């Protein structure tokens, strides 16, 4: 009988000890969860955050008589990661299609970029600047034949991120691109205004 009582007491003490340990574990997990949530509600342009951006622009230019019209569509998605508060690095891809009468020019570009975003926890918008380098491949399809050319380009952009929800925002960006092709001894430049949407992961 005494052994039974001792065994019961030993089991009860172990149960109480286990319950205390479980309470500590739950408390620690709660503190960690609160810390994660607090970080998740941090700065959209803070260290460790990232953004996925999709930009697009379209222009349609006609001559005085209206008989010749040039249409240009450009799409440029990118992904960037904030290695420090406000300072990001990443890369992007661009697709451009230019059509005029029976001729088309298709251009693909890919390359890295760096940038700096301005703002703080209470900001309603985040202005930014960026710069990048791109490898460019272009296909020319005129009415009398087709050809291609490869080259490189440098771009500088100035834009604004306007959050509309905690992790989604609009983007407006003005960009200056200059590029040259190895097959030709000349360079070109383009000034564009792009709009799009951004996913903010923080």
Protein backbone atom coordinates (compact mmCIF):
# COMPACT_ATOMS: atom_id res chain seq x y z
CA UNK A 1 0.00 0.00 0.00
CA UNK A 2 2.80 2.39 0.92
CA UNK A 3 4.56 1.61 -2.37
CA UNK A 4 1.37 2.40 -4.24
CA UNK A 5 1.02 5.75 -2.44
CA UNK A 6 4.68 6.57 -3.14
CA UNK A 7 4.26 5.68 -6.79
CA UNK A 8 1.14 7.85 -7.04
CA UNK A 9 2.92 10.76 -5.36
CA UNK A 10 5.91 10.36 -7.68
CA UNK A 11 3.63 10.34 -10.74
CA UNK A 12 1.72 13.40 -9.51
CA UNK A 13 4.95 15.32 -8.94
CA UNK A 14 6.19 14.37 -12.40
CA UNK A 15 2.90 15.49 -13.91
CA UNK A 16 3.12 18.86 -12.14
CA UNK A 17 6.72 19.25 -13.30
CA UNK A 18 5.76 18.37 -16.88
CA UNK A 19 2.86 20.83 -16.77
CA UNK A 20 5.21 23.61 -15.61
CA UNK A 21 7.62 22.81 -18.44
CA UNK A 22 4.77 22.86 -20.96
CA UNK A 23 3.71 26.29 -19.66
CA UNK A 24 7.26 27.57 -20.15
CA UNK A 25 7.37 26.16 -23.66
CA UNK A 26 4.03 27.79 -24.53
CA UNK A 27 5.23 31.10 -23.06
CA UNK A 28 8.46 30.97 -25.09
CA UNK A 29 6.57 30.09 -28.27
CA UNK A 30 4.16 32.98 -27.65
CA UNK A 31 7.05 35.42 -27.24
CA UNK A 32 8.66 34.15 -30.46
CA UNK A 33 5.35 34.40 -32.33
CA UNK A 34 4.83 37.97 -31.16
CA UNK A 35 8.35 38.80 -32.29
CA UNK A 36 7.71 37.32 -35.73
CA UNK A 37 4.42 39.20 -36.07
CA UNK A 38 6.08 42.42 -34.98
CA UNK A 39 8.79 41.92 -37.60
CA UNK A 40 6.16 41.09 -40.19
CA UNK A 41 4.60 44.49 -39.55
CA UNK A 42 7.95 46.25 -39.98
CA UNK A 43 9.28 48.56 -42.64
CA UNK A 44 8.41 47.63 -46.22
CA UNK A 45 11.84 48.89 -47.32
CA UNK A 46 13.74 47.54 -44.31
CA UNK A 47 16.55 44.99 -44.22
CA UNK A 48 15.34 41.55 -45.25
CA UNK A 49 12.30 42.82 -47.17
CA UNK A 50 11.87 42.20 -50.87
CA UNK A 51 9.66 43.43 -53.67
CA UNK A 52 8.41 41.95 -56.92
CA UNK A 53 7.57 44.60 -59.49
CA UNK A 54 5.83 44.49 -62.84
CA UNK A 55 6.06 47.61 -65.01
CA UNK A 56 4.61 48.33 -68.44
CA UNK A 57 4.47 51.20 -70.91
CA UNK A 58 2.81 51.74 -74.29
CA UNK A 59 3.32 54.49 -76.83
CA UNK A 60 1.71 55.06 -80.21
CA UNK A 61 3.23 57.71 -82.46
CA UNK A 62 1.87 58.82 -85.82
CA UNK A 63 3.12 61.03 -88.63
CA UNK A 64 1.46 64.27 -89.66
CA UNK A 65 -0.57 62.55 -92.36
CA UNK A 66 -1.46 59.67 -90.06
CA UNK A 67 -0.39 57.08 -92.65
CA UNK A 68 2.59 55.84 -90.61
CA UNK A 69 2.15 54.89 -86.97
CA UNK A 70 4.71 53.36 -84.62
CA UNK A 71 3.50 51.35 -81.63
CA UNK A 72 5.86 50.36 -78.81
CA UNK A 73 4.93 48.03 -75.93
CA UNK A 74 7.41 47.41 -73.11
CA UNK A 75 7.00 45.02 -70.16
CA UNK A 76 9.66 44.83 -67.45
CA UNK A 77 9.27 42.64 -64.33
CA UNK A 78 11.94 42.66 -61.63
CA UNK A 79 12.70 41.33 -58.16
CA UNK A 80 14.75 43.16 -55.54
CA UNK A 81 15.99 42.37 -52.03
CA UNK A 82 16.85 44.89 -49.31
CA UNK A 83 20.28 43.94 -47.99
CA UNK A 84 20.18 47.00 -45.72
CA UNK A 85 17.44 49.42 -44.69
CA UNK A 86 16.50 51.39 -47.83
CA UNK A 87 19.26 49.85 -50.01
CA UNK A 88 18.29 47.06 -52.41
CA UNK A 89 19.87 44.87 -55.07
CA UNK A 90 18.19 42.64 -57.60
CA UNK A 91 17.62 41.90 -61.23
CA UNK A 92 15.13 42.43 -63.98
CA UNK A 93 13.90 41.26 -67.35
CA UNK A 94 12.49 43.41 -70.13
CA UNK A 95 10.52 42.74 -73.29
CA UNK A 96 9.87 45.39 -75.92
CA UNK A 97 7.97 45.14 -79.19
CA UNK A 98 7.99 47.96 -81.74
CA UNK A 99 5.83 47.78 -84.86
CA UNK A 100 5.64 50.12 -87.84
CA UNK A 101 3.72 49.24 -91.03
CA UNK A 102 5.07 45.75 -91.92
CA UNK A 103 8.24 45.93 -89.81
CA UNK A 104 8.73 44.85 -86.19
CA UNK A 105 11.58 45.08 -83.69
CA UNK A 106 11.59 42.73 -80.72
CA UNK A 107 14.03 43.36 -77.90
CA UNK A 108 14.85 41.26 -74.83
CA UNK A 109 17.02 42.42 -71.93
CA UNK A 110 18.21 40.95 -68.65
CA UNK A 111 20.59 42.17 -65.99
CA UNK A 112 21.25 43.30 -62.40
CA UNK A 113 20.22 46.52 -60.69
CA UNK A 114 20.82 48.43 -57.46
CA UNK A 115 18.73 51.12 -55.83
CA UNK A 116 17.83 53.17 -52.80
CA UNK A 117 14.32 53.79 -51.43
CA UNK A 118 13.32 56.69 -49.17
CA UNK A 119 10.78 56.64 -46.35
CA UNK A 120 10.00 55.38 -42.87
CA UNK A 121 7.36 53.46 -40.94
CA UNK A 122 4.77 56.24 -41.32
CA UNK A 123 5.40 57.07 -44.99
CA UNK A 124 2.42 56.98 -47.35
CA UNK A 125 4.73 56.51 -50.35
CA UNK A 126 8.32 55.43 -50.98
CA UNK A 127 10.31 57.37 -53.61
CA UNK A 128 13.30 55.48 -55.02
CA UNK A 129 16.15 55.67 -57.47
CA UNK A 130 17.79 52.76 -59.25
CA UNK A 131 20.42 51.97 -61.83
CA UNK A 132 21.06 48.83 -63.83
CA UNK A 133 22.96 47.14 -66.62
CA UNK A 134 21.35 44.91 -69.24
CA UNK A 135 22.42 42.42 -71.85
CA UNK A 136 20.22 43.08 -74.88
CA UNK A 137 19.20 40.85 -77.77
CA UNK A 138 17.27 42.45 -80.64
CA UNK A 139 15.52 40.91 -83.64
CA UNK A 140 14.74 43.10 -86.65
CA UNK A 141 12.01 41.89 -89.00
CA UNK A 142 11.68 44.42 -91.84
CA UNK A 143 9.60 43.72 -94.90
CA UNK A 144 12.69 42.86 -96.96
CA UNK A 145 14.30 40.38 -94.55
CA UNK A 146 15.27 39.67 -90.93
CA UNK A 147 18.38 40.24 -88.85
CA UNK A 148 19.48 40.32 -85.24
CA UNK A 149 21.94 42.17 -83.03
CA UNK A 150 23.30 41.85 -79.48
CA UNK A 151 24.47 44.62 -77.22
CA UNK A 152 24.31 46.09 -73.74
CA UNK A 153 22.65 49.02 -72.05
CA UNK A 154 22.64 51.12 -68.91
CA UNK A 155 19.50 52.46 -67.25
CA UNK A 156 18.71 54.99 -64.54
CA UNK A 157 15.26 55.22 -63.00
CA UNK A 158 13.35 57.49 -60.64
CA UNK A 159 10.09 56.21 -59.24
CA UNK A 160 7.48 56.11 -56.51
CA UNK A 161 5.93 53.14 -54.67
CA UNK A 162 2.42 53.90 -53.36
CA UNK A 163 1.11 51.14 -51.03
CA UNK A 164 -2.62 50.44 -51.40
CA UNK A 165 -2.64 47.51 -48.96
CA UNK A 166 -0.07 46.15 -46.54
CA UNK A 167 1.71 44.07 -49.19
CA UNK A 168 0.53 45.52 -52.53
CA UNK A 169 1.18 48.88 -54.14
CA UNK A 170 1.21 50.91 -57.34
CA UNK A 171 4.46 51.98 -59.00
CA UNK A 172 5.16 54.94 -61.27
CA UNK A 173 8.66 55.15 -62.74
CA UNK A 174 10.46 57.35 -65.19
CA UNK A 175 13.48 55.68 -66.79
CA UNK A 176 16.34 56.67 -69.03
CA UNK A 177 17.96 53.86 -71.07
CA UNK A 178 20.98 54.06 -73.29
CA UNK A 179 22.25 51.07 -75.25
CA UNK A 180 24.58 50.12 -78.07
CA UNK A 181 25.00 47.08 -80.30
CA UNK A 182 28.23 45.32 -81.16
CA UNK A 183 27.20 45.13 -84.84
CA UNK A 184 26.80 48.91 -85.16
CA UNK A 185 28.97 51.89 -84.28
CA UNK A 186 26.18 53.90 -82.75
CA UNK A 187 24.14 54.11 -79.55
CA UNK A 188 20.51 54.91 -78.83
CA UNK A 189 18.62 56.21 -75.84
CA UNK A 190 15.02 55.96 -74.69
CA UNK A 191 13.12 57.96 -72.09
CA UNK A 192 10.00 56.20 -70.83
CA UNK A 193 7.25 56.55 -68.24
CA UNK A 194 6.16 53.23 -66.77
CA UNK A 195 3.31 52.23 -64.45
CA UNK A 196 2.73 48.94 -62.71
CA UNK A 197 2.12 47.01 -59.52
CA UNK A 198 4.46 45.81 -56.79
CA UNK A 199 4.28 43.04 -54.21
CA UNK A 200 5.93 44.01 -50.91
CA UNK A 201 7.24 41.06 -48.90
CA UNK A 202 8.26 42.01 -45.36
